[in-house]
Amino acid sequence: MADARELTELISSAEAVPASGWVAGVSAALAAALVAKAAARSEAWSDGRGIGAQATDLRDRLLELASRDSEAYEAALAALDRRDADLGGALAAAANVPLALAEGAADVALLAAEAAERADGASRADAAAAAALAAGAARAASKLVAVNLSMVAGDARIDAAERAVETADEAARQALATQI
């Protein structure tokens, strides 16, 4: 697919953005899209439409957060280049977006686990894969929270990001263990 090639070329460029936060957000959004697909393809699943709508909302929110992450990262890099006295503040502010990404990815993983159990036939495999992708995105975003807050001791956002990873990991384990 040409669009996928262009996307990977953009990511692998020497430009600072898009970077790992953006990729984590887009990855979680793609996982949400797989959940929406599994729900849409599951006519016998009575709650499928509702789960699909939630997944679509999460997809759109995660794409917005991915864009915001790039902006926050660029602002932090600019503060670093200027040797801004408030670099720590800029990095702390930049931690908010990846935290929201980690939490959104955990929400996707939870929806995916439900879809892996309740969707029709082959759609269960898509849902299980979505849970694994969302868990990876949550872990990547959580790492960025920790990196951005490395100059701030004891910030509760680090713990919140780690909880999101634990939630996503457990949902992925559940989804991947589901019999297809």
Protein backbone atom coordinates (compact mmCIF):
# COMPACT_ATOMS: atom_id res chain seq x y z
CA MET A 1 0.00 0.00 0.00
CA ALA A 2 1.48 3.31 -1.08
CA ASP A 3 0.01 5.26 1.84
CA ALA A 4 1.67 2.95 4.35
CA ARG A 5 5.02 3.34 2.61
CA GLU A 6 4.73 7.14 2.68
CA LEU A 7 3.85 7.00 6.36
CA THR A 8 6.86 4.87 7.22
CA GLU A 9 9.13 7.13 5.18
CA LEU A 10 7.80 10.14 7.09
CA ILE A 11 8.46 8.44 10.42
CA SER A 12 11.96 7.30 9.44
CA SER A 13 13.01 10.76 8.25
CA ALA A 14 15.64 12.87 10.01
CA GLU A 15 12.94 15.31 11.16
CA ALA A 16 12.22 15.46 14.89
CA VAL A 17 8.52 14.83 14.39
CA PRO A 18 6.63 12.66 14.08
CA ALA A 19 8.32 10.66 16.80
CA SER A 20 7.47 7.87 19.21
CA GLY A 21 4.56 9.63 20.93
CA TRP A 22 2.85 10.24 17.63
CA VAL A 23 3.51 6.66 16.54
CA ALA A 24 2.11 5.34 19.84
CA GLY A 25 -1.03 7.42 19.41
CA VAL A 26 -1.55 6.37 15.81
CA SER A 27 -0.88 2.73 16.74
CA ALA A 28 -3.53 2.89 19.47
CA ALA A 29 -5.91 4.58 17.01
CA LEU A 30 -5.31 1.77 14.51
CA ALA A 31 -6.03 -0.76 17.26
CA ALA A 32 -9.29 1.07 17.98
CA ALA A 33 -10.12 0.90 14.29
CA LEU A 34 -9.64 -2.88 14.39
CA VAL A 35 -12.06 -3.10 17.33
CA ALA A 36 -14.59 -1.02 15.37
CA LYS A 37 -14.10 -3.38 12.40
CA ALA A 38 -14.61 -6.46 14.57
CA ALA A 39 -17.81 -4.94 15.96
CA ALA A 40 -19.09 -3.93 12.53
CA ARG A 41 -18.49 -7.41 11.14
CA SER A 42 -20.27 -9.12 14.06
CA GLU A 43 -23.97 -9.08 13.23
CA ALA A 44 -24.85 -11.54 16.00
CA TRP A 45 -23.19 -9.44 18.73
CA SER A 46 -25.99 -7.40 20.28
CA ASP A 47 -23.64 -4.89 21.93
CA GLY A 48 -21.38 -4.69 18.89
CA ARG A 49 -22.74 -1.38 17.63
CA GLY A 50 -22.13 0.30 20.98
CA ILE A 51 -18.63 -1.10 21.26
CA GLY A 52 -17.95 -0.05 17.67
CA ALA A 53 -19.10 3.50 18.41
CA GLN A 54 -16.89 3.66 21.51
CA ALA A 55 -13.94 2.35 19.52
CA THR A 56 -14.52 4.93 16.79
CA ASP A 57 -14.65 7.73 19.37
CA LEU A 58 -11.41 6.47 20.91
CA ARG A 59 -9.80 6.25 17.46
CA ASP A 60 -10.60 9.89 16.76
CA ARG A 61 -9.48 11.02 20.22
CA LEU A 62 -6.20 9.13 19.93
CA LEU A 63 -5.47 10.66 16.52
CA GLU A 64 -6.02 14.13 18.02
CA LEU A 65 -3.74 13.27 20.94
CA ALA A 66 -1.08 12.02 18.52
CA SER A 67 -1.10 15.43 16.82
CA ARG A 68 -0.98 17.21 20.16
CA ASP A 69 1.95 15.02 21.21
CA SER A 70 3.95 16.18 18.20
CA GLU A 71 3.21 19.80 19.10
CA ALA A 72 4.21 19.27 22.74
CA TYR A 73 7.39 17.48 21.69
CA GLU A 74 8.34 20.30 19.32
CA ALA A 75 7.75 22.84 22.13
CA ALA A 76 9.96 20.85 24.50
CA LEU A 77 12.70 20.61 21.86
CA ALA A 78 12.48 24.37 21.28
CA ALA A 79 12.85 24.99 25.02
CA LEU A 80 15.88 22.69 25.04
CA ASP A 81 17.44 24.50 22.07
CA ARG A 82 16.92 27.88 23.77
CA ARG A 83 18.28 26.48 27.01
CA ASP A 84 15.07 27.78 28.51
CA ALA A 85 15.16 28.21 32.27
CA ASP A 86 11.82 26.43 32.47
CA LEU A 87 12.88 23.35 30.51
CA GLY A 88 11.69 21.16 33.38
CA GLY A 89 8.30 22.84 33.18
CA ALA A 90 8.11 22.32 29.43
CA LEU A 91 8.96 18.64 29.84
CA ALA A 92 6.47 18.25 32.67
CA ALA A 93 3.77 19.82 30.50
CA ALA A 94 4.77 17.53 27.63
CA ALA A 95 4.08 14.52 29.88
CA ASN A 96 0.34 15.19 29.92
CA VAL A 97 -0.26 14.12 26.33
CA PRO A 98 1.52 10.75 26.48
CA LEU A 99 -0.30 10.07 29.75
CA ALA A 100 -3.61 10.64 27.96
CA LEU A 101 -2.33 8.40 25.14
CA ALA A 102 -1.46 5.61 27.59
CA GLU A 103 -4.87 5.83 29.23
CA GLY A 104 -6.65 5.91 25.86
CA ALA A 105 -4.67 2.90 24.69
CA ALA A 106 -5.69 1.05 27.86
CA ASP A 107 -9.33 1.85 27.08
CA VAL A 108 -8.85 0.43 23.58
CA ALA A 109 -7.29 -2.74 25.01
CA LEU A 110 -10.29 -3.20 27.32
CA LEU A 111 -12.75 -2.83 24.43
CA ALA A 112 -10.62 -5.18 22.34
CA ALA A 113 -10.66 -7.82 25.07
CA GLU A 114 -14.45 -7.66 25.17
CA ALA A 115 -14.60 -7.89 21.38
CA ALA A 116 -12.21 -10.86 21.39
CA GLU A 117 -14.67 -12.72 23.60
CA ARG A 118 -17.93 -11.64 21.99
CA ALA A 119 -17.37 -10.80 18.33
CA ASP A 120 -18.25 -13.17 15.51
CA GLY A 121 -15.77 -15.73 14.21
CA ALA A 122 -12.68 -14.35 12.51
CA SER A 123 -13.33 -10.89 13.93
CA ARG A 124 -12.15 -12.22 17.27
CA ALA A 125 -8.61 -12.52 15.92
CA ASP A 126 -8.67 -8.87 14.82
CA ALA A 127 -9.85 -7.87 18.28
CA ALA A 128 -7.13 -9.91 19.98
CA ALA A 129 -4.51 -8.32 17.74
CA ALA A 130 -5.97 -4.91 18.56
CA ALA A 131 -5.56 -5.58 22.27
CA ALA A 132 -1.89 -6.49 21.80
CA LEU A 133 -1.27 -3.38 19.68
CA ALA A 134 -3.02 -1.16 22.21
CA ALA A 135 -0.97 -2.63 25.05
CA GLY A 136 2.24 -1.88 23.17
CA ALA A 137 1.09 1.68 22.52
CA ALA A 138 0.26 2.14 26.21
CA ARG A 139 3.73 0.90 27.18
CA ALA A 140 5.44 3.25 24.69
CA ALA A 141 3.42 6.25 25.85
CA SER A 142 4.11 5.38 29.49
CA LYS A 143 7.84 5.39 28.79
CA LEU A 144 7.52 8.91 27.38
CA VAL A 145 5.74 10.06 30.53
CA ALA A 146 8.62 8.72 32.62
CA VAL A 147 11.25 10.30 30.36
CA ASN A 148 9.52 13.69 30.35
CA LEU A 149 9.20 13.63 34.14
CA SER A 150 12.69 12.33 34.88
CA MET A 151 13.59 15.72 36.38
CA VAL A 152 10.51 15.70 38.65
CA ALA A 153 10.63 13.33 41.61
CA GLY A 154 7.49 11.50 42.68
CA ASP A 155 5.10 12.80 40.04
CA ALA A 156 1.78 10.93 40.22
CA ARG A 157 1.51 10.89 36.42
CA ILE A 158 4.24 8.24 36.27
CA ASP A 159 2.15 5.95 38.47
CA ALA A 160 -0.98 6.70 36.46
CA ALA A 161 0.83 5.79 33.24
CA GLU A 162 2.08 2.55 34.78
CA ARG A 163 -1.47 1.68 35.86
CA ALA A 164 -2.63 2.23 32.28
CA VAL A 165 0.06 -0.21 31.09
CA GLU A 166 -1.02 -2.80 33.66
CA THR A 167 -4.65 -2.46 32.57
CA ALA A 168 -3.73 -2.74 28.89
CA ASP A 169 -1.40 -5.69 29.48
CA GLU A 170 -4.06 -7.61 31.42
CA ALA A 171 -6.67 -6.91 28.73
CA ALA A 172 -4.24 -8.07 26.04
CA ARG A 173 -3.46 -11.27 27.95
CA GLN A 174 -7.18 -11.94 28.28
CA ALA A 175 -7.84 -11.21 24.60
CA LEU A 176 -4.95 -13.31 23.36
CA ALA A 177 -6.04 -16.25 25.51
CA THR A 178 -9.56 -16.21 24.04
CA GLN A 179 -10.43 -19.22 21.93
CA ILE A 180 -11.04 -18.15 18.35
